Amino acid sequence: MPALAERGIVCDVAIGRDGPGGERLRRKGIPVISLELMRSRVDPMAVVAMSRLLRRHRPTHVHLHGTRAAFFGVLARNVGAAAAARWIYTAHGLSFRKETGATERAVYRGVEATICRGVDGVISVSRLDRDALAELAPTTPAVHLPNAVDADVFRPRERGAARRRLDLDPDAFVVGTVARLVPQKAVADLLAAAALLEGSDLAVVVVGDGEERAALADQARQLGGRVRLLGQRDDIAEILPALDLFVSSSRWEGEPIAILEAMAAGLPVITTDTPGGRELIEASGAGRIVPVADPPALAAAVSTLRGAPEARAEMAVAARRLAEGRSVALVAKRVAELYQRLADG
């Protein structure tokens, strides 16, 4: 958002209250409006609130992030909100990929199709997801625009100092993740994998908070002192260098920012086989891909890389190289170009 502002694009952000994003944006000088969209997937009041907001602000462009905001937004557009604006939907992961039942998948495919047909342009952070959306709405322009990372903030740092800050054994093999503690992120699978690994020098660091924290704390206690649950932190860039290996155990993803930040910090990565995770590893060679929801496979991958320090060092170089090509300024430039193309009709 600040990078867009530097390009002369005036942005107001409507965001929920659950999380630190609003305050971070305010500190950067971005106007923030509270808009609660997460009470229910079927919430007519969310559509009403969005309609009122857009009529009051009269934007030239409405940029919707995520399935729920986009669905409510398209409904608001259909009842006349910001009729003259250009509407853009960024998909950060496809809702139907998380469903296991055929009926649920069909419903959410229909939701994604409704969104894509109701906007003027689609952005996907995953190439595979972009292709899937293009099939649902062939007449709506869809582009692949991967996520960005600030490689100056997230960078390799001295490991010893990072471990001292966290009171970690300097000689331990430290595996970590940064994630919301919700079912999608499946941090329980990482802890289950850790339970299968031998060696008293193994440590697991989990950064994040969410509805599953209590259950994960119970699971962590069964592993003795091997697991550290750090909660929500604002110093991720200083924590990542303490790790030897980063793990993303998600059940579904678009393109995880957490993986990009870990790669910028020069960490090899193990990710489950989600579209965004797979694309990052295939593009960089910076890690390994394991099946979704398979703790034994995850444990085996950790064990293999634990015993291969030279391979990890090569992956770390490859990870940093990819991250350095994902600048915030470049992504902002491409978003601004899309806004202009849509404005030009």
Protein backbone atom coordinates (compact mmCIF):
# COMPACT_ATOMS: atom_id res chain seq x y z
CA MET A 1 0.00 0.00 0.00
CA PRO A 2 2.74 2.57 0.75
CA ALA A 3 4.42 1.62 -2.54
CA LEU A 4 1.16 2.31 -4.39
CA ALA A 5 0.88 5.64 -2.57
CA GLU A 6 4.37 6.52 -3.81
CA ARG A 7 3.05 6.00 -7.33
CA GLY A 8 0.30 8.55 -6.74
CA ILE A 9 -2.48 6.06 -6.03
CA VAL A 10 -4.56 7.22 -3.07
CA CYS A 11 -5.66 4.18 -1.09
CA ASP A 12 -8.12 3.70 1.74
CA VAL A 13 -8.20 0.25 3.32
CA ALA A 14 -11.32 -1.40 4.74
CA ILE A 15 -10.25 -4.18 7.08
CA GLY A 16 -11.58 -6.28 9.94
CA ARG A 17 -10.53 -5.82 13.53
CA ASP A 18 -9.10 -9.32 14.00
CA GLY A 19 -5.37 -8.95 13.63
CA PRO A 20 -2.56 -6.38 13.60
CA GLY A 21 -2.92 -5.32 9.96
CA GLY A 22 -4.98 -2.21 10.62
CA GLU A 23 -2.54 -0.74 13.12
CA ARG A 24 0.43 -1.51 10.87
CA LEU A 25 -1.23 0.35 8.01
CA ARG A 26 -2.07 3.33 10.22
CA ARG A 27 1.58 3.59 11.27
CA LYS A 28 2.47 3.82 7.58
CA GLY A 29 0.00 6.66 7.04
CA ILE A 30 -2.67 4.62 5.20
CA PRO A 31 -6.29 5.54 6.13
CA VAL A 32 -8.01 2.51 7.66
CA ILE A 33 -11.75 1.88 7.87
CA SER A 34 -13.22 -0.86 10.03
CA LEU A 35 -15.40 -3.26 8.02
CA GLU A 36 -16.46 -6.51 9.63
CA LEU A 37 -16.85 -9.28 7.05
CA MET A 38 -15.97 -12.40 9.03
CA ARG A 39 -19.09 -13.01 11.12
CA SER A 40 -20.70 -15.37 8.62
CA ARG A 41 -20.27 -16.58 5.06
CA VAL A 42 -23.92 -15.58 4.50
CA ASP A 43 -24.25 -12.13 6.06
CA PRO A 44 -26.54 -9.62 4.31
CA MET A 45 -25.42 -6.90 6.72
CA ALA A 46 -21.88 -7.21 5.38
CA VAL A 47 -23.22 -6.41 1.90
CA VAL A 48 -25.17 -3.45 3.29
CA ALA A 49 -22.12 -2.13 5.16
CA MET A 50 -19.92 -2.46 2.09
CA SER A 51 -22.50 -0.75 -0.11
CA ARG A 52 -22.77 2.20 2.28
CA LEU A 53 -19.01 2.50 2.52
CA LEU A 54 -18.51 2.53 -1.25
CA ARG A 55 -21.31 5.04 -1.84
CA ARG A 56 -19.70 7.33 0.71
CA HIS A 57 -16.15 7.10 -0.69
CA ARG A 58 -16.93 6.76 -4.41
CA PRO A 59 -13.64 5.08 -5.38
CA THR A 60 -12.41 4.80 -8.96
CA HIS A 61 -11.21 1.26 -8.25
CA VAL A 62 -12.38 -1.35 -5.74
CA HIS A 63 -9.77 -4.02 -5.01
CA LEU A 64 -11.19 -7.07 -3.22
CA HIS A 65 -8.83 -9.43 -1.40
CA GLY A 66 -9.93 -12.97 -0.62
CA THR A 67 -13.04 -14.98 -1.43
CA ARG A 68 -15.35 -13.66 1.26
CA ALA A 69 -14.68 -9.95 0.68
CA ALA A 70 -14.96 -10.53 -3.05
CA PHE A 71 -18.28 -12.36 -2.80
CA PHE A 72 -19.81 -9.65 -0.62
CA GLY A 73 -18.29 -7.04 -2.93
CA VAL A 74 -19.83 -8.50 -6.07
CA LEU A 75 -23.22 -8.60 -4.34
CA ALA A 76 -22.76 -4.95 -3.35
CA ARG A 77 -21.85 -4.06 -6.93
CA ASN A 78 -24.97 -5.79 -8.17
CA VAL A 79 -27.14 -3.53 -6.02
CA GLY A 80 -25.48 -0.41 -7.37
CA ALA A 81 -22.51 0.27 -5.08
CA ALA A 82 -19.61 2.07 -6.84
CA ALA A 83 -21.19 1.32 -10.20
CA ALA A 84 -18.69 3.52 -12.06
CA ALA A 85 -15.63 1.95 -10.43
CA ARG A 86 -13.37 -0.74 -11.85
CA TRP A 87 -13.43 -3.87 -9.70
CA ILE A 88 -10.47 -6.20 -9.14
CA TYR A 89 -10.36 -9.48 -7.23
CA THR A 90 -7.11 -10.89 -5.85
CA ALA A 91 -7.38 -14.60 -5.05
CA HIS A 92 -5.03 -15.61 -2.24
CA GLY A 93 -6.13 -19.24 -2.48
CA LEU A 94 -9.21 -20.90 -3.90
CA SER A 95 -12.03 -21.67 -1.49
CA PHE A 96 -12.98 -24.92 -3.20
CA ARG A 97 -9.51 -26.45 -2.76
CA LYS A 98 -10.06 -26.76 1.00
CA GLU A 99 -13.31 -28.72 0.70
CA THR A 100 -13.32 -32.51 0.77
CA GLY A 101 -16.92 -33.19 -0.24
CA ALA A 102 -18.08 -33.01 -3.86
CA THR A 103 -21.12 -30.89 -2.98
CA GLU A 104 -19.09 -28.34 -1.02
CA ARG A 105 -16.50 -28.11 -3.78
CA ALA A 106 -19.21 -27.50 -6.35
CA VAL A 107 -20.75 -24.75 -4.22
CA TYR A 108 -17.45 -22.95 -3.75
CA ARG A 109 -16.52 -23.33 -7.41
CA GLY A 110 -19.81 -21.59 -8.12
CA VAL A 111 -18.90 -18.83 -5.66
CA GLU A 112 -15.52 -18.29 -7.34
CA ALA A 113 -17.18 -18.25 -10.76
CA THR A 114 -19.73 -15.67 -9.58
CA ILE A 115 -16.93 -13.47 -8.27
CA CYS A 116 -14.79 -13.70 -11.39
CA ARG A 117 -17.73 -12.95 -13.69
CA GLY A 118 -18.72 -9.99 -11.51
CA VAL A 119 -15.40 -8.12 -11.58
CA ASP A 120 -13.36 -6.43 -14.29
CA GLY A 121 -10.06 -8.13 -13.59
CA VAL A 122 -8.64 -11.02 -11.57
CA ILE A 123 -5.22 -11.36 -9.94
CA SER A 124 -3.97 -14.66 -8.56
CA VAL A 125 -0.83 -15.09 -6.47
CA SER A 126 -0.61 -18.67 -7.80
CA ARG A 127 -0.25 -19.56 -11.47
CA LEU A 128 -2.24 -22.78 -11.03
CA ASP A 129 -5.04 -20.90 -9.30
CA ARG A 130 -5.03 -18.26 -12.07
CA ASP A 131 -5.54 -20.99 -14.65
CA ALA A 132 -8.41 -22.49 -12.64
CA LEU A 133 -10.13 -19.10 -12.35
CA ALA A 134 -9.68 -18.41 -16.06
CA GLU A 135 -11.59 -21.62 -16.79
CA LEU A 136 -14.45 -20.47 -14.55
CA ALA A 137 -14.73 -17.04 -16.19
CA PRO A 138 -12.98 -17.06 -19.60
CA THR A 139 -14.06 -13.53 -20.52
CA THR A 140 -12.61 -11.83 -17.41
CA PRO A 141 -8.91 -10.91 -17.75
CA ALA A 142 -6.85 -12.90 -15.23
CA VAL A 143 -3.18 -12.33 -14.44
CA HIS A 144 -0.66 -14.13 -12.30
CA LEU A 145 0.97 -11.67 -9.91
CA PRO A 146 2.96 -13.42 -7.17
CA ASN A 147 3.40 -12.00 -3.70
CA ALA A 148 6.18 -9.65 -2.69
CA VAL A 149 8.60 -9.60 0.22
CA ASP A 150 10.83 -6.86 1.61
CA ALA A 151 14.21 -8.55 1.22
CA ASP A 152 15.92 -5.71 3.09
CA VAL A 153 13.86 -6.37 6.22
CA PHE A 154 13.79 -10.18 5.90
CA ARG A 155 17.41 -11.08 5.36
CA PRO A 156 19.99 -13.56 6.66
CA ARG A 157 21.26 -12.53 10.10
CA GLU A 158 23.67 -13.95 12.66
CA ARG A 159 22.21 -17.21 13.99
CA GLY A 160 23.80 -17.09 17.42
CA ALA A 161 22.30 -13.72 18.29
CA ALA A 162 18.85 -14.83 17.08
CA ARG A 163 19.01 -17.94 19.25
CA ARG A 164 20.14 -16.04 22.31
CA ARG A 165 17.12 -13.76 21.97
CA LEU A 166 14.86 -16.84 22.10
CA ASP A 167 16.93 -18.74 24.67
CA LEU A 168 17.50 -21.59 22.21
CA ASP A 169 20.39 -24.05 22.44
CA PRO A 170 23.07 -22.81 20.02
CA ASP A 171 23.74 -26.40 18.93
CA ALA A 172 20.13 -27.52 18.46
CA PHE A 173 18.59 -28.33 15.09
CA VAL A 174 15.71 -25.86 15.00
CA VAL A 175 12.65 -26.32 12.80
CA GLY A 176 10.08 -23.56 12.74
CA THR A 177 6.95 -22.13 11.22
CA VAL A 178 5.05 -18.84 11.20
CA ALA A 179 1.31 -19.33 10.84
CA ARG A 180 -2.13 -18.50 12.11
CA LEU A 181 -3.10 -21.32 14.44
CA VAL A 182 -6.18 -22.36 12.48
CA PRO A 183 -7.15 -25.64 10.75
CA GLN A 184 -5.95 -24.43 7.33
CA LYS A 185 -2.35 -24.12 8.54
CA ALA A 186 -2.32 -27.62 10.10
CA VAL A 187 0.43 -26.84 12.61
CA ALA A 188 -0.70 -29.99 14.44
CA ASP A 189 0.76 -31.96 11.52
CA LEU A 190 4.16 -30.35 12.15
CA LEU A 191 4.03 -31.27 15.83
CA ALA A 192 2.94 -34.81 14.92
CA ALA A 193 5.93 -35.03 12.59
CA ALA A 194 8.23 -33.78 15.35
CA ALA A 195 6.97 -36.58 17.61
CA LEU A 196 8.29 -39.08 15.05
CA LEU A 197 11.78 -37.60 14.98
CA GLU A 198 14.57 -38.79 17.24
CA GLY A 199 17.24 -36.74 18.91
CA SER A 200 17.20 -34.58 22.00
CA ASP A 201 18.78 -31.72 20.08
CA LEU A 202 15.65 -31.12 17.94
CA ALA A 203 13.65 -27.99 18.71
CA VAL A 204 10.44 -26.73 17.12
CA VAL A 205 9.48 -23.04 17.11
CA VAL A 206 5.92 -21.97 16.28
CA VAL A 207 5.10 -18.28 15.83
CA GLY A 208 1.47 -17.25 15.62
CA ASP A 209 -1.84 -17.29 17.41
CA GLY A 210 -5.38 -18.46 16.75
CA GLU A 211 -8.22 -20.73 17.72
CA GLU A 212 -6.09 -23.88 17.88
CA ARG A 213 -3.50 -22.55 20.32
CA ALA A 214 -4.86 -24.41 23.37
CA ALA A 215 -4.99 -27.74 21.52
CA LEU A 216 -1.49 -27.20 20.13
CA ALA A 217 -0.22 -26.35 23.62
CA ASP A 218 -1.57 -29.70 24.85
CA GLN A 219 0.09 -31.46 21.93
CA ALA A 220 3.35 -29.60 22.58
CA ARG A 221 3.40 -30.69 26.24
CA GLN A 222 3.50 -34.30 25.11
CA LEU A 223 6.78 -33.51 23.36
CA GLY A 224 8.43 -32.25 26.51
CA GLY A 225 10.50 -29.13 26.03
CA ARG A 226 11.08 -29.56 22.31
CA VAL A 227 8.34 -27.14 21.19
CA ARG A 228 8.23 -23.39 21.75
CA LEU A 229 4.92 -21.63 21.09
CA LEU A 230 5.87 -17.96 20.82
CA GLY A 231 2.43 -16.53 20.08
CA GLN A 232 1.85 -13.47 17.91
CA ARG A 233 5.08 -11.58 17.28
CA ASP A 234 6.10 -8.44 15.42
CA ASP A 235 9.79 -9.39 15.21
CA ILE A 236 9.56 -12.22 12.68
CA ALA A 237 12.58 -10.92 10.79
CA GLU A 238 14.72 -11.40 13.92
CA ILE A 239 13.24 -14.82 14.76
CA LEU A 240 13.67 -16.54 11.38
CA PRO A 241 17.51 -16.54 11.43
CA ALA A 242 17.37 -18.75 14.55
CA LEU A 243 15.97 -21.59 12.42
CA ASP A 244 17.77 -24.26 10.43
CA LEU A 245 14.67 -25.20 8.46
CA PHE A 246 11.28 -23.61 7.78
CA VAL A 247 8.13 -25.75 7.43
CA SER A 248 4.76 -24.86 5.93
CA SER A 249 2.32 -27.66 6.79
CA SER A 250 -0.82 -26.05 5.33
CA ARG A 251 -3.76 -27.97 3.91
CA TRP A 252 -4.35 -25.30 1.21
CA GLU A 253 -2.63 -22.07 0.18
CA GLY A 254 -2.37 -19.51 -2.59
CA GLU A 255 1.22 -18.34 -2.21
CA PRO A 256 2.27 -18.16 1.44
CA ILE A 257 3.88 -14.90 2.54
CA ALA A 258 5.46 -16.83 5.43
CA ILE A 259 7.43 -18.99 2.99
CA LEU A 260 8.61 -15.93 1.08
CA GLU A 261 9.80 -14.29 4.29
CA ALA A 262 11.64 -17.46 5.29
CA MET A 263 13.28 -17.66 1.87
CA ALA A 264 14.34 -14.02 2.13
CA ALA A 265 15.95 -14.91 5.47
CA GLY A 266 17.97 -17.58 3.65
CA LEU A 267 16.17 -20.64 4.97
CA PRO A 268 15.56 -23.94 3.18
CA VAL A 269 11.86 -24.79 3.15
CA ILE A 270 9.70 -27.88 3.39
CA THR A 271 6.16 -27.25 2.20
CA THR A 272 3.10 -29.37 1.72
CA ASP A 273 1.92 -29.81 -1.85
CA THR A 274 -0.27 -26.74 -2.15
CA PRO A 275 -0.28 -24.75 -5.42
CA GLY A 276 1.65 -21.78 -4.05
CA GLY A 277 4.10 -23.83 -2.03
CA ARG A 278 4.86 -26.13 -4.96
CA GLU A 279 5.37 -23.20 -7.32
CA LEU A 280 7.84 -21.51 -4.96
CA ILE A 281 9.96 -24.62 -4.52
CA GLU A 282 9.87 -25.59 -8.19
CA ALA A 283 10.86 -22.05 -9.18
CA SER A 284 13.76 -21.86 -6.75
CA GLY A 285 14.98 -25.33 -5.81
CA ALA A 286 15.02 -24.04 -2.23
CA GLY A 287 13.47 -27.01 -0.46
CA ARG A 288 11.30 -30.08 -0.56
CA ILE A 289 7.59 -30.77 -1.20
CA VAL A 290 5.66 -33.34 0.84
CA PRO A 291 2.06 -34.56 0.59
CA VAL A 292 -0.65 -32.64 2.42
CA ALA A 293 -1.73 -34.07 5.80
CA ASP A 294 1.10 -36.62 5.96
CA PRO A 295 3.16 -36.18 9.17
CA PRO A 296 5.35 -39.26 8.49
CA ALA A 297 6.37 -37.84 5.08
CA LEU A 298 7.04 -34.47 6.70
CA ALA A 299 9.15 -36.13 9.40
CA ALA A 300 11.12 -38.03 6.77
CA ALA A 301 11.84 -34.84 4.83
CA VAL A 302 13.01 -33.04 7.98
CA SER A 303 15.23 -35.99 8.86
CA THR A 304 16.76 -36.07 5.37
CA LEU A 305 17.59 -32.36 5.31
CA ARG A 306 18.78 -32.47 8.91
CA GLY A 307 21.49 -34.86 7.77
CA ALA A 308 22.40 -32.87 4.66
CA PRO A 309 23.95 -29.53 5.71
CA GLU A 310 25.53 -28.94 2.30
CA ALA A 311 22.18 -29.37 0.54
CA ARG A 312 20.59 -26.98 3.03
CA ALA A 313 23.28 -24.40 2.34
CA GLU A 314 22.63 -24.60 -1.41
CA MET A 315 18.88 -24.28 -0.82
CA ALA A 316 19.46 -21.24 1.38
CA VAL A 317 21.30 -19.46 -1.45
CA ALA A 318 18.54 -20.39 -3.92
CA ALA A 319 15.86 -19.21 -1.49
CA ARG A 320 17.46 -15.81 -1.04
CA ARG A 321 17.92 -15.43 -4.80
CA LEU A 322 14.19 -15.92 -5.48
CA ALA A 323 13.18 -13.55 -2.67
CA GLU A 324 15.41 -10.78 -3.99
CA GLY A 325 13.42 -10.86 -7.24
CA ARG A 326 10.09 -10.33 -5.44
CA SER A 327 10.37 -6.67 -4.52
CA VAL A 328 7.39 -4.73 -3.19
CA ALA A 329 8.11 -1.93 -5.66
CA LEU A 330 7.87 -4.31 -8.63
CA VAL A 331 4.55 -5.79 -7.52
CA ALA A 332 3.14 -2.30 -6.84
CA LYS A 333 4.20 -1.26 -10.35
CA ARG A 334 2.31 -4.18 -11.89
CA VAL A 335 -0.79 -3.53 -9.79
CA ALA A 336 -0.74 0.14 -10.80
CA GLU A 337 -0.43 -0.86 -14.46
CA LEU A 338 -3.48 -3.11 -14.11
CA TYR A 339 -5.46 -0.29 -12.50
CA GLN A 340 -4.55 1.96 -15.42
CA ARG A 341 -5.47 -0.62 -18.07
CA LEU A 342 -8.87 -1.11 -16.48
CA ALA A 343 -9.40 2.65 -16.20
CA ASP A 344 -8.59 3.02 -19.90
CA GLY A 345 -11.23 0.44 -20.71
